[in-house]
């Protein structure tokens, strides 16, 4: 099996440990263990929970406690509809591995996380791409989606809130996507790792797993929950899919770490505090970014309605990778070039980390633009 290099991950691996101002990071600023335990009221009791723990493989599908906690993020899911995975990256890979065979029609949006087009392409799928465009606020063109969704379509893949644009499909829009999937009998996979960071409401857009009998949702503790270090995610979906995925999962996971499982439970049991923190950071920093964009004549964007990232369009005759490398070398600021997202002429910024880093980093970008 041949597969394309993972553009974003290679870029991050090359530069994220050496930059001074990391404006490519996509998680809400990570929590320390101290912060997490303080929120959960467990600073003085954690060791009592951990010391008796025998470090076996643990519950293969994820502990009952963890899966029950994950169901609290959904309207209609039960423990049996949840399968714990090694991050959302593991969840997405398992769904594609389970569902996609050579020749299957798979529809995916671009831009999105590269897994969702490179993996099915590597399996020999009949891959059809729906390009998100600024004129549609980076939302899918439903007429185009309907035209692509022929009767032999196996899987439609979306990402909501969207990486890298921060665009958001609300429940009414998602229901229209569901009707298109239902009309052709396709499964609908939605990567929902940024769910919980919406600008409006309680932060939680409706989940595809709750809206459609063949809907599959993936998510993790990494982005909205600020706990990427746990490397813990999940799949929520129909029992037939959970059972089928579990067969493939036995070959590459067995179980997630017991300590990761335990800490994820602690976090989900105080999720209101964590999500409130995440939404506050996102809202504050989103406005800082918006004011900066309004004052930069060479930069424009569609303001994100959710997530931790935005796609910046720059009015300079320079490839995005060259732009980002020069910016790194001269100012120490790291963006992600649009070229690794199939979006040349754009830059992805992650704005939900330290407010100081964002403000100082954007000031350095302004210096760079002025010098250009």
Foldseek 3Di string as FASTA:
>chain_A
DDFDDQLQVVVCVVAVVPFDQEQADFAFAADDPVRLCVLLVCPPPVCVVVVVDDFDQPDQQFDLLLLQLVCVLADDFDSLQKGKAQFLVRVLLLLCVLFAAAAAEEEEEFLARCSRQRVNVVRNYNYDYFYQDVVVVRDGDLVVVLVSLALRHAEYEEEAVGPAALAHDAPVNVLSVQVSCVVNVYAYEYEDAFQLQFLDDRRGGHAQQRRHQRYKYKYACPHLVNCVVLSMIMIGHHSVSVVSSSVVCVVPPSHRTPVSSVSSSSCSVSVSVSSVVQNVLQVVQLVVVVVLQVVDPQWDFSRRRTGQKRKIAGNDPDWQVVVQVVLCVPPSYHWRGCVSRVGIRITMTGRNHDPVSSVSNSVSVVVVVVVD
